[in-house]
C-alpha atoms as a PDB file:
ATOM      1  CA  MET A   1      -7.334  -8.477  -8.063  1.00  0.00           C
ATOM      2  CA  PRO A   2      -8.419 -12.090  -8.711  1.00  0.00           C
ATOM      3  CA  ASP A   3     -10.721 -13.970  -6.369  1.00  0.00           C
ATOM      4  CA  SER A   4      -9.243 -15.855  -3.450  1.00  0.00           C
ATOM      5  CA  GLY A   5      -8.695 -19.476  -4.355  1.00  0.00           C
ATOM      6  CA  SER A   6      -7.714 -18.644  -7.939  1.00  0.00           C
ATOM      7  CA  TYR A   7      -4.893 -16.268  -7.024  1.00  0.00           C
ATOM      8  CA  SER A   8      -1.344 -17.212  -6.157  1.00  0.00           C
ATOM      9  CA  TYR A   9       1.224 -14.471  -5.689  1.00  0.00           C
ATOM     10  CA  VAL A  10       4.070 -14.907  -8.174  1.00  0.00           C
ATOM     11  CA  GLY A  11       6.727 -13.012  -6.214  1.00  0.00           C
ATOM     12  CA  ASN A  12       9.207 -14.482  -3.745  1.00  0.00           C
ATOM     13  CA  GLU A  13      10.606 -11.241  -2.341  1.00  0.00           C
ATOM     14  CA  LEU A  14       8.298 -10.627   0.632  1.00  0.00           C
ATOM     15  CA  GLU A  15      10.393 -12.578   3.125  1.00  0.00           C
ATOM     16  CA  LEU A  16      13.558 -10.918   1.858  1.00  0.00           C
ATOM     17  CA  PHE A  17      12.212  -7.385   2.222  1.00  0.00           C
ATOM     18  CA  LEU A  18      11.005  -8.048   5.772  1.00  0.00           C
ATOM     19  CA  GLN A  19      14.664  -7.478   6.623  1.00  0.00           C
ATOM     20  CA  ALA A  20      14.648  -3.947   5.154  1.00  0.00           C
ATOM     21  CA  VAL A  21      14.029  -2.382   8.557  1.00  0.00           C
ATOM     22  CA  ASN A  22      15.371   1.097   7.775  1.00  0.00           C
ATOM     23  CA  TRP A  23      13.177   1.365   4.698  1.00  0.00           C
ATOM     24  CA  LYS A  24      10.044   0.232   6.480  1.00  0.00           C
ATOM     25  CA  GLN A  25      10.688   2.546   9.410  1.00  0.00           C
ATOM     26  CA  TYR A  26      11.206   5.414   6.977  1.00  0.00           C
ATOM     27  CA  TRP A  27       8.103   5.107   4.821  1.00  0.00           C
ATOM     28  CA  SER A  28       5.891   4.192   7.762  1.00  0.00           C
ATOM     29  CA  SER A  29       7.021   7.340   9.601  1.00  0.00           C
ATOM     30  CA  ARG A  30       5.889   9.413   6.611  1.00  0.00           C
ATOM     31  CA  LEU A  31       2.521   7.660   6.380  1.00  0.00           C
ATOM     32  CA  ARG A  32       1.703   7.474  10.101  1.00  0.00           C
ATOM     33  CA  PRO A  33       0.115  10.961  10.331  1.00  0.00           C
ATOM     34  CA  PHE A  34      -2.495   9.894   7.779  1.00  0.00           C
ATOM     35  CA  VAL A  35      -3.392   6.540   9.384  1.00  0.00           C
ATOM     36  CA  HIS A  36      -6.243   6.554  11.884  1.00  0.00           C
ATOM     37  CA  GLY A  37      -9.332   4.731  13.075  1.00  0.00           C
ATOM     38  CA  ASP A  38     -10.382   1.466  11.479  1.00  0.00           C
ATOM     39  CA  VAL A  39      -7.800   0.465   8.845  1.00  0.00           C
ATOM     40  CA  LEU A  40      -8.098  -1.858   5.853  1.00  0.00           C
ATOM     41  CA  ASP A  41      -4.775  -3.175   4.544  1.00  0.00           C
ATOM     42  CA  VAL A  42      -5.422  -4.415   0.990  1.00  0.00           C
ATOM     43  CA  GLY A  43      -2.992  -7.065  -0.252  1.00  0.00           C
ATOM     44  CA  ALA A  44      -1.458  -7.440   3.197  1.00  0.00           C
ATOM     45  CA  GLY A  45       1.099 -10.070   2.176  1.00  0.00           C
ATOM     46  CA  LEU A  46       2.991 -11.191   5.281  1.00  0.00           C
ATOM     47  CA  GLY A  47       1.607  -8.367   7.421  1.00  0.00           C
ATOM     48  CA  ALA A  48       4.667  -6.093   7.357  1.00  0.00           C
ATOM     49  CA  THR A  49       2.563  -2.930   7.121  1.00  0.00           C
ATOM     50  CA  PHE A  50       0.763  -3.884  10.337  1.00  0.00           C
ATOM     51  CA  ASP A  51       4.176  -4.328  12.010  1.00  0.00           C
ATOM     52  CA  TYR A  52       4.966  -0.658  11.513  1.00  0.00           C
ATOM     53  CA  LEU A  53       1.593   1.088  11.460  1.00  0.00           C
ATOM     54  CA  GLY A  54      -0.741  -1.141  13.451  1.00  0.00           C
ATOM     55  CA  ALA A  55      -0.280   0.863  16.657  1.00  0.00           C
ATOM     56  CA  ALA A  56      -1.675   3.973  14.920  1.00  0.00           C
ATOM     57  CA  ALA A  57      -5.052   2.309  14.288  1.00  0.00           C
ATOM     58  CA  ALA A  58      -8.095   1.599  16.400  1.00  0.00           C
ATOM     59  CA  SER A  59      -8.548  -1.661  14.482  1.00  0.00           C
ATOM     60  CA  TRP A  60      -6.675  -3.323  11.616  1.00  0.00           C
ATOM     61  CA  THR A  61      -8.046  -5.648   8.944  1.00  0.00           C
ATOM     62  CA  CYS A  62      -5.677  -7.509   6.619  1.00  0.00           C
ATOM     63  CA  LEU A  63      -7.182  -8.431   3.248  1.00  0.00           C
ATOM     64  CA  GLU A  64      -5.112 -10.936   1.250  1.00  0.00           C
ATOM     65  CA  PRO A  65      -6.270 -12.951  -1.790  1.00  0.00           C
ATOM     66  CA  ASP A  66      -3.472 -15.560  -1.695  1.00  0.00           C
ATOM     67  CA  ALA A  67      -4.576 -18.371   0.629  1.00  0.00           C
ATOM     68  CA  THR A  68      -0.994 -19.433   1.412  1.00  0.00           C
ATOM     69  CA  LEU A  69       0.028 -15.895   2.354  1.00  0.00           C
ATOM     70  CA  CYS A  70      -3.158 -15.561   4.417  1.00  0.00           C
ATOM     71  CA  LYS A  71      -2.196 -18.587   6.470  1.00  0.00           C
ATOM     72  CA  ARG A  72       1.376 -17.386   6.910  1.00  0.00           C
ATOM     73  CA  LEU A  73       0.461 -13.851   7.984  1.00  0.00           C
ATOM     74  CA  THR A  74      -2.144 -15.197  10.426  1.00  0.00           C
ATOM     75  CA  GLN A  75       0.473 -17.456  12.000  1.00  0.00           C
ATOM     76  CA  ARG A  76       3.105 -14.734  11.968  1.00  0.00           C
ATOM     77  CA  LEU A  77       0.950 -12.139  13.749  1.00  0.00           C
ATOM     78  CA  SER A  78      -1.071 -14.428  16.014  1.00  0.00           C
ATOM     79  CA  ALA A  79       1.219 -13.810  18.996  1.00  0.00           C
ATOM     80  CA  HIS A  80       0.780 -10.041  18.738  1.00  0.00           C
ATOM     81  CA  ALA A  81      -0.883  -8.421  21.742  1.00  0.00           C
ATOM     82  CA  ARG A  82      -3.608  -7.061  19.447  1.00  0.00           C
ATOM     83  CA  PRO A  83      -3.489  -9.149  16.262  1.00  0.00           C
ATOM     84  CA  PRO A  84      -5.243  -7.895  13.135  1.00  0.00           C
ATOM     85  CA  HIS A  85      -8.382  -9.393  11.698  1.00  0.00           C
ATOM     86  CA  VAL A  86      -7.426 -11.412   8.620  1.00  0.00           C
ATOM     87  CA  ILE A  87      -9.773 -11.951   5.672  1.00  0.00           C
ATOM     88  CA  CYS A  88      -8.657 -14.223   2.864  1.00  0.00           C
ATOM     89  CA  GLY A  89     -10.094 -12.713  -0.295  1.00  0.00           C
ATOM     90  CA  THR A  90     -10.627  -9.530  -2.249  1.00  0.00           C
ATOM     91  CA  LEU A  91     -12.797  -6.482  -1.549  1.00  0.00           C
ATOM     92  CA  ALA A  92     -15.807  -8.613  -2.454  1.00  0.00           C
ATOM     93  CA  ALA A  93     -15.129 -10.731   0.651  1.00  0.00           C
ATOM     94  CA  LEU A  94     -15.782  -7.816   3.007  1.00  0.00           C
ATOM     95  CA  PRO A  95     -19.106  -7.762   4.858  1.00  0.00           C
ATOM     96  CA  VAL A  96     -21.772  -5.697   3.137  1.00  0.00           C
ATOM     97  CA  GLY A  97     -21.828  -2.172   4.524  1.00  0.00           C
ATOM     98  CA  GLN A  98     -18.493  -2.394   6.326  1.00  0.00           C
ATOM     99  CA  GLN A  99     -16.479   0.831   6.134  1.00  0.00           C
ATOM    100  CA  PHE A 100     -13.067   2.037   7.228  1.00  0.00           C
ATOM    101  CA  ASP A 101     -11.426   5.323   8.167  1.00  0.00           C
ATOM    102  CA  THR A 102      -8.200   4.453   6.324  1.00  0.00           C
ATOM    103  CA  ILE A 103      -7.507   2.117   3.401  1.00  0.00           C
ATOM    104  CA  VAL A 104      -3.890   1.377   2.473  1.00  0.00           C
ATOM    105  CA  TYR A 105      -2.348  -0.137  -0.639  1.00  0.00           C
ATOM    106  CA  ILE A 106       1.327  -0.636   0.190  1.00  0.00           C
ATOM    107  CA  ASP A 107       3.234  -1.938  -2.852  1.00  0.00           C
ATOM    108  CA  VAL A 108      -0.019  -3.464  -4.089  1.00  0.00           C
ATOM    109  CA  LEU A 109      -1.787  -1.303  -6.692  1.00  0.00           C
ATOM    110  CA  GLU A 110       0.909  -1.944  -9.298  1.00  0.00           C
ATOM    111  CA  HIS A 111       0.027  -5.665  -9.103  1.00  0.00           C
ATOM    112  CA  ILE A 112      -3.587  -5.008 -10.113  1.00  0.00           C
ATOM    113  CA  GLU A 113      -4.246  -4.834 -13.850  1.00  0.00           C
ATOM    114  CA  HIS A 114      -7.383  -2.682 -13.581  1.00  0.00           C
ATOM    115  CA  ASP A 115      -6.155  -0.231 -10.972  1.00  0.00           C
ATOM    116  CA  ALA A 116      -8.801   2.456 -11.550  1.00  0.00           C
ATOM    117  CA  GLN A 117     -11.561  -0.124 -11.207  1.00  0.00           C
ATOM    118  CA  GLN A 118      -9.951  -1.324  -7.979  1.00  0.00           C
ATOM    119  CA  LEU A 119     -10.003   2.132  -6.388  1.00  0.00           C
ATOM    120  CA  GLU A 120     -13.541   2.732  -7.616  1.00  0.00           C
ATOM    121  CA  SER A 121     -14.539  -0.379  -5.658  1.00  0.00           C
ATOM    122  CA  ALA A 122     -12.413   0.523  -2.639  1.00  0.00           C
ATOM    123  CA  VAL A 123     -13.992   3.932  -2.159  1.00  0.00           C
ATOM    124  CA  HIS A 124     -17.322   2.265  -1.298  1.00  0.00           C
ATOM    125  CA  TYR A 125     -15.622   0.905   1.829  1.00  0.00           C
ATOM    126  CA  LEU A 126     -14.132   4.274   2.823  1.00  0.00           C
ATOM    127  CA  ARG A 127     -16.011   6.483   5.240  1.00  0.00           C
ATOM    128  CA  PRO A 128     -16.675  10.113   4.290  1.00  0.00           C
ATOM    129  CA  GLY A 129     -13.591  12.094   5.257  1.00  0.00           C
ATOM    130  CA  GLY A 130     -11.494   8.924   5.346  1.00  0.00           C
ATOM    131  CA  SER A 131      -8.027   8.510   3.844  1.00  0.00           C
ATOM    132  CA  LEU A 132      -6.939   6.256   1.007  1.00  0.00           C
ATOM    133  CA  ILE A 133      -3.162   5.790   0.849  1.00  0.00           C
ATOM    134  CA  VAL A 134      -1.162   4.279  -2.002  1.00  0.00           C
ATOM    135  CA  LEU A 135       2.563   3.570  -1.889  1.00  0.00           C
ATOM    136  CA  ALA A 136       3.819   2.288  -5.239  1.00  0.00           C
ATOM    137  CA  PRO A 137       6.937   2.043  -7.406  1.00  0.00           C
ATOM    138  CA  ALA A 138       7.651   5.241  -9.330  1.00  0.00           C
ATOM    139  CA  LEU A 139       9.120   6.225 -12.688  1.00  0.00           C
ATOM    140  CA  PRO A 140       8.055   4.016 -15.634  1.00  0.00           C
ATOM    141  CA  ALA A 141      11.570   4.300 -17.110  1.00  0.00           C
ATOM    142  CA  LEU A 142      12.802   2.116 -14.227  1.00  0.00           C
ATOM    143  CA  TYR A 143      10.453  -0.780 -15.071  1.00  0.00           C
ATOM    144  CA  SER A 144      12.703  -3.848 -14.975  1.00  0.00           C
ATOM    145  CA  ALA A 145      12.863  -7.603 -15.189  1.00  0.00           C
ATOM    146  CA  PHE A 146      12.404  -7.608 -11.415  1.00  0.00           C
ATOM    147  CA  ASP A 147       9.141  -5.657 -11.730  1.00  0.00           C
ATOM    148  CA  ARG A 148       7.946  -8.138 -14.341  1.00  0.00           C
ATOM    149  CA  SER A 149       8.989 -11.187 -12.310  1.00  0.00           C
ATOM    150  CA  ILE A 150       6.881 -10.166  -9.296  1.00  0.00           C
ATOM    151  CA  GLY A 151       3.796  -9.262 -11.303  1.00  0.00           C
ATOM    152  CA  HIS A 152       4.029  -5.479 -11.615  1.00  0.00           C
ATOM    153  CA  PHE A 153       1.852  -4.156 -14.416  1.00  0.00           C
ATOM    154  CA  ARG A 154       3.407  -0.696 -14.197  1.00  0.00           C
ATOM    155  CA  ARG A 155       5.379   1.934 -12.318  1.00  0.00           C
ATOM    156  CA  TYR A 156       3.649   5.284 -11.705  1.00  0.00           C
ATOM    157  CA  THR A 157       4.164   8.958 -12.324  1.00  0.00           C
ATOM    158  CA  ARG A 158       2.420  11.537 -10.192  1.00  0.00           C
ATOM    159  CA  ALA A 159      -0.091  12.161 -12.994  1.00  0.00           C
ATOM    160  CA  SER A 160      -0.779   8.516 -13.816  1.00  0.00           C
ATOM    161  CA  LEU A 161      -1.405   7.664 -10.167  1.00  0.00           C
ATOM    162  CA  ALA A 162      -3.647  10.684  -9.614  1.00  0.00           C
ATOM    163  CA  ASN A 163      -5.667   9.750 -12.686  1.00  0.00           C
ATOM    164  CA  VAL A 164      -6.759   6.331 -11.376  1.00  0.00           C
ATOM    165  CA  ALA A 165      -8.664   7.761  -8.405  1.00  0.00           C
ATOM    166  CA  PRO A 166     -12.465   8.136  -8.578  1.00  0.00           C
ATOM    167  CA  PRO A 167     -13.876  11.690  -8.522  1.00  0.00           C
ATOM    168  CA  THR A 168     -14.969  11.585  -4.876  1.00  0.00           C
ATOM    169  CA  LEU A 169     -11.321  11.408  -3.812  1.00  0.00           C
ATOM    170  CA  ARG A 170      -9.272  14.590  -3.414  1.00  0.00           C
ATOM    171  CA  VAL A 171      -5.484  14.490  -3.279  1.00  0.00           C
ATOM    172  CA  ALA A 172      -4.457  15.581   0.225  1.00  0.00           C
ATOM    173  CA  ASP A 173      -0.720  15.035  -0.172  1.00  0.00           C
ATOM    174  CA  TRP A 174       1.840  13.275  -2.342  1.00  0.00           C
ATOM    175  CA  PHE A 175       5.602  12.821  -2.360  1.00  0.00           C
ATOM    176  CA  PHE A 176       8.430  10.699  -3.675  1.00  0.00           C
ATOM    177  CA  LEU A 177      10.666   8.634  -1.406  1.00  0.00           C
ATOM    178  CA  ASP A 178      14.148   7.155  -1.763  1.00  0.00           C
ATOM    179  CA  CYS A 179      15.705   9.432  -4.373  1.00  0.00           C
ATOM    180  CA  LEU A 180      19.052   7.618  -4.234  1.00  0.00           C
ATOM    181  CA  GLY A 181      17.267   4.289  -4.585  1.00  0.00           C
ATOM    182  CA  VAL A 182      16.631   5.331  -8.189  1.00  0.00           C
ATOM    183  CA  LEU A 183      20.263   4.405  -8.850  1.00  0.00           C
ATOM    184  CA  ALA A 184      19.764   0.940  -7.364  1.00  0.00           C
ATOM    185  CA  SER A 185      16.639   0.420  -9.480  1.00  0.00           C
ATOM    186  CA  LEU A 186      18.453   1.664 -12.572  1.00  0.00           C
ATOM    187  CA  PHE A 187      21.271  -0.804 -11.920  1.00  0.00           C
ATOM    188  CA  ALA A 188      18.739  -3.651 -11.548  1.00  0.00           C
ATOM    189  CA  ARG A 189      17.109  -2.639 -14.826  1.00  0.00           C
ATOM    190  CA  LEU A 190      20.392  -2.499 -16.747  1.00  0.00           C
ATOM    191  CA  ALA A 191      21.573  -5.772 -15.201  1.00  0.00           C
ATOM    192  CA  LYS A 192      18.228  -7.417 -16.068  1.00  0.00           C
ATOM    193  CA  GLN A 193      18.034  -8.858 -12.562  1.00  0.00           C
ATOM    194  CA  THR A 194      14.869 -10.772 -11.753  1.00  0.00           C
ATOM    195  CA  SER A 195      15.543 -10.670  -8.018  1.00  0.00           C
ATOM    196  CA  PRO A 196      17.943  -8.793  -5.729  1.00  0.00           C
ATOM    197  CA  SER A 197      20.277 -10.780  -3.536  1.00  0.00           C
ATOM    198  CA  PRO A 198      20.044 -10.577   0.271  1.00  0.00           C
ATOM    199  CA  ARG A 199      23.363  -8.708   0.218  1.00  0.00           C
ATOM    200  CA  GLN A 200      22.012  -6.121  -2.236  1.00  0.00           C
ATOM    201  CA  VAL A 201      18.893  -5.541  -0.125  1.00  0.00           C
ATOM    202  CA  GLU A 202      21.039  -5.177   2.990  1.00  0.00           C
ATOM    203  CA  LEU A 203      23.360  -2.684   1.260  1.00  0.00           C
ATOM    204  CA  TRP A 204      20.431  -0.620  -0.045  1.00  0.00           C
ATOM    205  CA  ASP A 205      18.640  -0.633   3.317  1.00  0.00           C
ATOM    206  CA  LYS A 206      21.664   0.180   5.470  1.00  0.00           C
ATOM    207  CA  ALA A 207      23.697   2.441   3.179  1.00  0.00           C
ATOM    208  CA  ILE A 208      21.325   4.066   0.686  1.00  0.00           C
ATOM    209  CA  VAL A 209      18.028   4.500   2.556  1.00  0.00           C
ATOM    210  CA  PRO A 210      19.486   6.573   5.446  1.00  0.00           C
ATOM    211  CA  VAL A 211      21.059   8.992   2.949  1.00  0.00           C
ATOM    212  CA  SER A 212      17.839   9.143   0.898  1.00  0.00           C
ATOM    213  CA  ARG A 213      15.984   9.988   4.094  1.00  0.00           C
ATOM    214  CA  VAL A 214      17.983  13.210   4.288  1.00  0.00           C
ATOM    215  CA  ALA A 215      18.138  13.953   0.555  1.00  0.00           C
ATOM    216  CA  ASP A 216      14.395  13.432   0.119  1.00  0.00           C
ATOM    217  CA  ARG A 217      13.812  16.659   2.032  1.00  0.00           C
ATOM    218  CA  VAL A 218      14.904  18.401  -1.164  1.00  0.00           C
ATOM    219  CA  SER A 219      13.822  15.906  -3.839  1.00  0.00           C
ATOM    220  CA  SER A 220      10.467  14.662  -2.532  1.00  0.00           C
ATOM    221  CA  ARG A 221       8.488  16.719  -5.061  1.00  0.00           C
ATOM    222  CA  LEU A 222      10.876  15.897  -7.908  1.00  0.00           C
ATOM    223  CA  PHE A 223      11.678  12.191  -8.105  1.00  0.00           C
ATOM    224  CA  GLY A 224      12.253   9.010  -6.140  1.00  0.00           C
ATOM    225  CA  ARG A 225      12.107   5.240  -6.412  1.00  0.00           C
ATOM    226  CA  THR A 226       8.734   5.181  -4.642  1.00  0.00           C
ATOM    227  CA  LEU A 227       5.661   7.399  -4.943  1.00  0.00           C
ATOM    228  CA  VAL A 228       3.131   8.008  -2.163  1.00  0.00           C
ATOM    229  CA  MET A 229      -0.274   9.581  -2.696  1.00  0.00           C
ATOM    230  CA  ILE A 230      -2.915  10.252  -0.050  1.00  0.00           C
ATOM    231  CA  TRP A 231      -6.515  11.051  -0.911  1.00  0.00           C
ATOM    232  CA  LYS A 232      -9.410  12.228   1.250  1.00  0.00           C
ATOM    233  CA  ASN A 233     -12.885  10.937   0.563  1.00  0.00           C
ATOM    234  CA  GLU A 234     -15.174  13.911  -0.092  1.00  0.00           C
ATOM    235  CA  ARG A 235     -18.293  11.795  -0.484  1.00  0.00           C
ATOM    236  CA  GLN A 236     -21.035  13.125   1.762  1.00  0.00           C
ATOM    237  CA  PRO A 237     -22.589  10.842   4.397  1.00  0.00           C
ATOM    238  CA  ALA A 238     -25.899   9.308   3.400  1.00  0.00           C
ATOM    239  CA  PRO A 239     -28.799  11.256   4.924  1.00  0.00           C
ATOM    240  CA  GLU A 240     -30.387   9.590   7.906  1.00  0.00           C
ATOM    241  CA  ALA A 241     -33.865   8.266   7.363  1.00  0.00           C
ATOM    242  CA  ASN A 242     -36.694  10.272   8.980  1.00  0.00           C
ATOM    243  CA  THR A 243     -38.053   7.760  11.433  1.00  0.00           C
ATOM    244  CA  GLY A 244     -40.274  10.008  13.471  1.00  0.00           C
ATOM    245  CA  ALA A 245     -42.444  13.057  13.344  1.00  0.00           C
ATOM    246  CA  ALA A 246     -40.783  16.433  13.476  1.00  0.00           C
ATOM    247  CA  ALA A 247     -40.453  17.872  16.946  1.00  0.00           C
ATOM    248  CA  GLU A 248     -43.065  20.414  17.825  1.00  0.00           C
END
């Protein structure tokens, strides 16, 4: 992810997908059991992830490299009873030694060219036993003009996503979401659409997502438009320094 100040997000879909309430309620309900403690939301965009998962955390930090988006998400969430802490920048902007219990990449990792390097850096900010959660577009065969237009470098398979994690992370769970949404993504690919219309997003969210929510109970280990993977950090805590003589 580029440094803040040099990075400007190329997509224009964030505002549009804020309206996809059924979808956001669905995926957030699946992720909520894994979210706890101090949370770092990498590539927070307009703060939609905080909208749906913020209540599950003890504290929430939004990290966003686009200065314009940083300003907008700060304004958007400022009236919240417990607004998140917003940092405009990349992982390098975090205070030295700061660590989190949960780190989330929600529709973000696919925007980062060197994804394995990104997670290698992220794990240094994850406490031992903490969770790292990635939600990303699935199935490379669905890669479309829309993916390209919003800066996606790739779509993932289970294997390709698992392979980008550093060795201290152990896969705790994984699943696909929105099996019927594959048809919508396939249509967008064949139509060479660079952006869905508000009507298309509304139709997908209100008609397709509720059915996928039921069908995913069968297909979640097989396929879906979106892939979720949760890792646990197995790195051992650093030993405490011996500051005194041994007890007699």
